[in-house]
Protein backbone atom coordinates (compact mmCIF):
# COMPACT_ATOMS: atom_id res chain seq x y z
CA UNK A 1 -0.92 35.96 -9.66
CA UNK A 2 -2.49 35.72 -13.13
CA UNK A 3 -4.26 32.48 -12.23
CA UNK A 4 -5.81 34.03 -9.10
CA UNK A 5 -6.83 37.18 -10.98
CA UNK A 6 -8.38 35.28 -13.89
CA UNK A 7 -10.16 32.88 -11.52
CA UNK A 8 -11.61 35.75 -9.52
CA UNK A 9 -12.71 37.52 -12.70
CA UNK A 10 -14.49 34.42 -14.04
CA UNK A 11 -16.05 33.84 -10.60
CA UNK A 12 -17.40 37.40 -10.63
CA UNK A 13 -18.73 36.99 -14.15
CA UNK A 14 -20.53 33.80 -13.11
CA UNK A 15 -22.04 35.50 -10.07
CA UNK A 16 -23.22 38.40 -12.25
CA UNK A 17 -24.71 36.05 -14.85
CA UNK A 18 -22.33 37.23 -17.57
CA UNK A 19 -21.38 34.97 -20.47
CA UNK A 20 -17.97 33.37 -19.99
CA UNK A 21 -15.87 33.72 -23.17
CA UNK A 22 -14.26 30.65 -24.70
CA UNK A 23 -10.53 30.30 -23.98
CA UNK A 24 -8.09 31.47 -26.61
CA UNK A 25 -6.48 28.49 -28.30
CA UNK A 26 -4.49 30.08 -31.09
CA UNK A 27 -3.58 33.74 -31.21
CA UNK A 28 -2.26 35.25 -34.38
CA UNK A 29 0.84 37.42 -34.48
CA UNK A 30 -1.50 40.36 -35.12
CA UNK A 31 -3.13 39.79 -31.70
CA UNK A 32 0.10 39.22 -29.78
CA UNK A 33 2.65 41.58 -31.33
CA UNK A 34 4.27 43.77 -28.67
CA UNK A 35 2.77 41.73 -25.82
CA UNK A 36 4.04 39.02 -23.52
CA UNK A 37 1.88 35.94 -23.98
CA UNK A 38 1.73 33.33 -21.26
CA UNK A 39 -0.74 30.47 -20.94
CA UNK A 40 -2.83 30.54 -17.77
CA UNK A 41 -4.96 27.60 -16.69
CA UNK A 42 -7.82 28.14 -14.28
CA UNK A 43 -10.28 25.71 -12.71
CA UNK A 44 -13.52 27.66 -12.18
CA UNK A 45 -15.28 24.79 -10.40
CA UNK A 46 -12.49 24.44 -7.81
CA UNK A 47 -12.20 28.20 -7.34
CA UNK A 48 -15.99 28.54 -6.94
CA UNK A 49 -16.05 25.80 -4.28
CA UNK A 50 -13.17 27.50 -2.43
CA UNK A 51 -14.78 30.96 -2.49
CA UNK A 52 -18.31 29.79 -1.73
CA UNK A 53 -17.17 27.78 1.29
CA UNK A 54 -14.67 30.18 2.82
CA UNK A 55 -15.57 31.55 6.23
CA UNK A 56 -16.29 35.26 6.50
CA UNK A 57 -16.88 37.45 9.53
CA UNK A 58 -20.35 38.83 10.19
CA UNK A 59 -21.25 41.13 13.05
CA UNK A 60 -24.47 40.63 14.96
CA UNK A 61 -26.23 42.63 17.66
CA UNK A 62 -27.69 40.95 20.74
CA UNK A 63 -29.13 42.15 24.02
CA UNK A 64 -26.38 42.22 26.68
CA UNK A 65 -28.21 39.81 28.98
CA UNK A 66 -28.52 37.22 26.19
CA UNK A 67 -24.86 37.55 25.25
CA UNK A 68 -23.83 37.02 28.89
CA UNK A 69 -25.86 33.82 29.18
CA UNK A 70 -24.61 32.53 25.82
CA UNK A 71 -21.00 33.15 26.82
CA UNK A 72 -21.55 31.40 30.16
CA UNK A 73 -22.88 28.42 28.20
CA UNK A 74 -19.88 28.64 25.81
CA UNK A 75 -22.12 29.04 22.76
CA UNK A 76 -20.35 28.86 19.41
CA UNK A 77 -22.06 31.81 17.71
CA UNK A 78 -20.78 30.91 14.25
CA UNK A 79 -22.05 27.35 14.34
CA UNK A 80 -25.37 28.40 15.90
CA UNK A 81 -26.01 31.13 13.33
CA UNK A 82 -25.00 28.88 10.44
CA UNK A 83 -27.31 26.10 11.62
CA UNK A 84 -30.17 28.51 12.30
CA UNK A 85 -29.84 30.12 8.85
CA UNK A 86 -29.76 26.75 7.10
CA UNK A 87 -32.90 25.70 8.96
CA UNK A 88 -34.63 29.06 8.47
CA UNK A 89 -33.88 29.11 4.72
CA UNK A 90 -34.82 25.40 4.46
CA UNK A 91 -31.50 24.55 2.81
CA UNK A 92 -29.99 21.05 2.71
CA UNK A 93 -27.19 20.47 5.19
CA UNK A 94 -23.74 20.01 3.64
CA UNK A 95 -20.48 18.49 4.76
CA UNK A 96 -21.99 16.00 7.20
CA UNK A 97 -23.47 18.64 9.50
């Protein structure tokens, strides 16, 4: 769980614009005495891509009549909202969409 925790912490620091400290390469006995020391490797670029592209739920509010028609037409709300937001924000399309 240390890898996940460290990755999430670095991700949060990046999002907040905080400086990311350099990794510890050699720790003296003074710094480690009385502690359990275990190397942990993280891959911030892979973790960032995973977190930034995960799907999250978002609630929306629509008039009942519009929802009925959309459901009759089998509208995929998630895809429609994603496409509309990308267009509205004038963002480049990713992943072949």
